Amino acid sequence: MKENKGFIYLGATPQTDRSNYAIAAPYPTQGKAPFTTSRMVDSARNAQGTMVGRMVGRSVDKQELGWQTISPELWWEMNRWFEDGHFTFYCHYFSHNLGRWETRMFYLSDVSCSPVNVDAATGMPEYYEDASFSVVDCGVI
């Protein structure tokens, strides 16, 4: 059984969890992991000017992850997995709205990093600073 070492766990099946995963994303740097939730609303104003509406679908979560520094090997391992055909994937994460672990279909967004001390001969950095990405809930019900 794999060790529970990740902040979030990514995999290719709905059974993805803390012991069954392809990638365990490490804990982000303190303050670099905002968790947000969006709710789509179908709304309008009635003749009295009061909003009349309802939520469409379900709440959709987004988890940002950022690391002040991260090794190239770990950064490449995560990104290669995404590039190897995992545009959508299952993410096992702690829902900060519900207070429990959830597994839902997500997609990758907003990948960014700054290479540091790049070797001129190989093009490889010593490490990355301010590396980050977001995983976004697909909203599948």
Protein backbone atom coordinates (compact mmCIF):
# COMPACT_ATOMS: atom_id res chain seq x y z
CA MET A 1 0.00 0.00 0.00
CA LYS A 2 1.26 3.47 -0.88
CA GLU A 3 2.01 6.01 1.84
CA ASN A 4 -0.45 8.91 2.26
CA LYS A 5 2.02 11.65 1.38
CA GLY A 6 0.10 13.86 -0.99
CA PHE A 7 -1.94 17.01 -0.73
CA ILE A 8 -4.10 15.74 -3.61
CA TYR A 9 -4.08 12.41 -5.45
CA LEU A 10 -4.55 12.05 -9.20
CA GLY A 11 -5.51 8.99 -11.19
CA ALA A 12 -7.26 7.63 -14.27
CA THR A 13 -10.21 5.89 -12.57
CA PRO A 14 -13.10 6.87 -10.30
CA GLN A 15 -11.49 4.62 -7.66
CA THR A 16 -8.62 7.11 -7.22
CA ASP A 17 -7.98 7.70 -3.52
CA ARG A 18 -5.13 8.02 -1.01
CA SER A 19 -4.01 4.42 -1.58
CA ASN A 20 -4.86 4.04 -5.29
CA TYR A 21 -3.38 6.82 -7.43
CA ALA A 22 -0.92 7.61 -10.22
CA ILE A 23 0.42 10.92 -8.85
CA ALA A 24 0.49 12.28 -5.30
CA ALA A 25 0.97 16.04 -5.60
CA PRO A 26 3.12 17.19 -2.68
CA TYR A 27 1.95 19.66 -0.08
CA PRO A 28 2.22 23.17 -1.49
CA THR A 29 4.08 26.01 0.15
CA GLN A 30 2.09 27.60 2.99
CA GLY A 31 -0.25 30.23 1.54
CA LYS A 32 0.06 28.90 -2.03
CA ALA A 33 -3.02 26.66 -2.16
CA PRO A 34 -6.22 28.69 -2.47
CA PHE A 35 -9.36 26.55 -2.67
CA THR A 36 -12.31 28.13 -4.47
CA THR A 37 -15.82 27.05 -5.36
CA SER A 38 -18.02 28.34 -8.19
CA ARG A 39 -21.74 27.99 -8.57
CA MET A 40 -23.47 28.54 -11.90
CA VAL A 41 -26.76 30.35 -11.54
CA ASP A 42 -29.63 30.81 -13.98
CA SER A 43 -31.13 34.09 -12.83
CA ALA A 44 -33.03 37.21 -13.82
CA ARG A 45 -34.97 40.02 -12.13
CA ASN A 46 -38.73 39.96 -11.79
CA ALA A 47 -41.05 42.99 -12.20
CA GLN A 48 -40.30 44.06 -8.61
CA GLY A 49 -36.54 43.99 -9.27
CA THR A 50 -35.97 40.96 -7.09
CA MET A 51 -33.51 38.32 -8.27
CA VAL A 52 -35.24 35.09 -9.22
CA GLY A 53 -32.96 32.17 -9.94
CA ARG A 54 -31.63 28.77 -9.18
CA MET A 55 -28.31 26.99 -9.16
CA VAL A 56 -27.53 25.04 -12.33
CA GLY A 57 -25.76 21.73 -11.82
CA ARG A 58 -23.64 21.45 -8.68
CA SER A 59 -20.87 23.44 -7.04
CA VAL A 60 -17.55 23.25 -8.92
CA ASP A 61 -14.24 23.26 -7.01
CA LYS A 62 -10.82 24.56 -8.00
CA GLN A 63 -7.61 23.77 -6.13
CA GLU A 64 -4.53 25.85 -6.84
CA LEU A 65 -1.14 24.45 -5.84
CA GLY A 66 2.09 26.41 -5.69
CA TRP A 67 5.60 25.67 -4.52
CA GLN A 68 8.22 28.27 -3.66
CA THR A 69 10.82 25.76 -4.86
CA ILE A 70 10.44 22.30 -6.39
CA SER A 71 12.91 19.85 -7.90
CA PRO A 72 12.89 19.41 -11.67
CA GLU A 73 12.36 15.67 -11.26
CA LEU A 74 9.18 16.08 -9.23
CA TRP A 75 7.88 18.90 -11.45
CA TRP A 76 8.53 16.84 -14.60
CA GLU A 77 6.95 13.70 -13.11
CA MET A 78 3.68 15.52 -12.49
CA ASN A 79 3.64 17.36 -15.83
CA ARG A 80 4.61 14.30 -17.87
CA TRP A 81 1.65 12.46 -16.40
CA PHE A 82 -0.69 15.26 -17.52
CA GLU A 83 0.92 15.38 -20.98
CA ASP A 84 0.70 11.60 -21.39
CA GLY A 85 -3.00 11.67 -22.21
CA HIS A 86 -4.51 12.84 -18.94
CA PHE A 87 -6.35 15.98 -20.06
CA THR A 88 -9.12 14.96 -17.70
CA PHE A 89 -8.43 12.82 -14.66
CA TYR A 90 -9.82 11.90 -11.29
CA CYS A 91 -8.70 13.99 -8.35
CA HIS A 92 -9.02 12.81 -4.76
CA TYR A 93 -8.92 15.94 -2.63
CA PHE A 94 -10.06 17.31 0.68
CA SER A 95 -13.13 19.49 0.16
CA HIS A 96 -12.67 22.49 2.41
CA ASN A 97 -16.37 23.30 1.96
CA LEU A 98 -17.67 19.91 3.06
CA GLY A 99 -14.92 18.80 5.46
CA ARG A 100 -14.34 15.44 3.77
CA TRP A 101 -12.35 13.75 1.00
CA GLU A 102 -14.02 13.72 -2.44
CA THR A 103 -13.09 12.13 -5.79
CA ARG A 104 -14.26 13.96 -8.89
CA MET A 105 -13.24 14.41 -12.53
CA PHE A 106 -10.92 17.41 -13.00
CA TYR A 107 -8.76 19.05 -15.66
CA LEU A 108 -5.40 20.86 -15.47
CA SER A 109 -5.12 24.63 -15.81
CA ASP A 110 -2.65 27.52 -15.45
CA VAL A 111 0.72 25.71 -15.35
CA SER A 112 3.62 28.04 -14.57
CA CYS A 113 7.23 27.84 -13.33
CA SER A 114 10.47 29.85 -13.26
CA PRO A 115 13.66 27.85 -13.96
CA VAL A 116 16.67 28.72 -11.77
CA ASN A 117 20.38 28.24 -12.54
CA VAL A 118 19.87 26.81 -16.00
CA ASP A 119 22.82 24.79 -17.30
CA ALA A 120 23.82 26.35 -20.62
CA ALA A 121 25.00 23.00 -22.00
CA THR A 122 21.90 20.94 -21.15
CA GLY A 123 19.17 23.54 -20.74
CA MET A 124 18.20 21.92 -17.44
CA PRO A 125 17.55 24.03 -14.35
CA GLU A 126 18.91 23.29 -10.91
CA TYR A 127 15.37 23.77 -9.57
CA TYR A 128 12.17 25.73 -10.20
CA GLU A 129 10.82 28.70 -8.27
CA ASP A 130 7.21 29.80 -8.07
CA ALA A 131 5.97 26.63 -9.77
CA SER A 132 2.21 26.25 -9.79
CA PHE A 133 -0.83 24.74 -11.43
CA SER A 134 -4.54 24.51 -10.81
CA VAL A 135 -6.85 21.54 -11.00
CA VAL A 136 -10.45 22.40 -11.87
CA ASP A 137 -13.56 20.31 -11.28
CA CYS A 138 -15.25 19.33 -14.58
CA GLY A 139 -18.68 19.54 -12.95
CA VAL A 140 -19.69 15.99 -13.89
CA ILE A 141 -22.74 14.96 -11.89
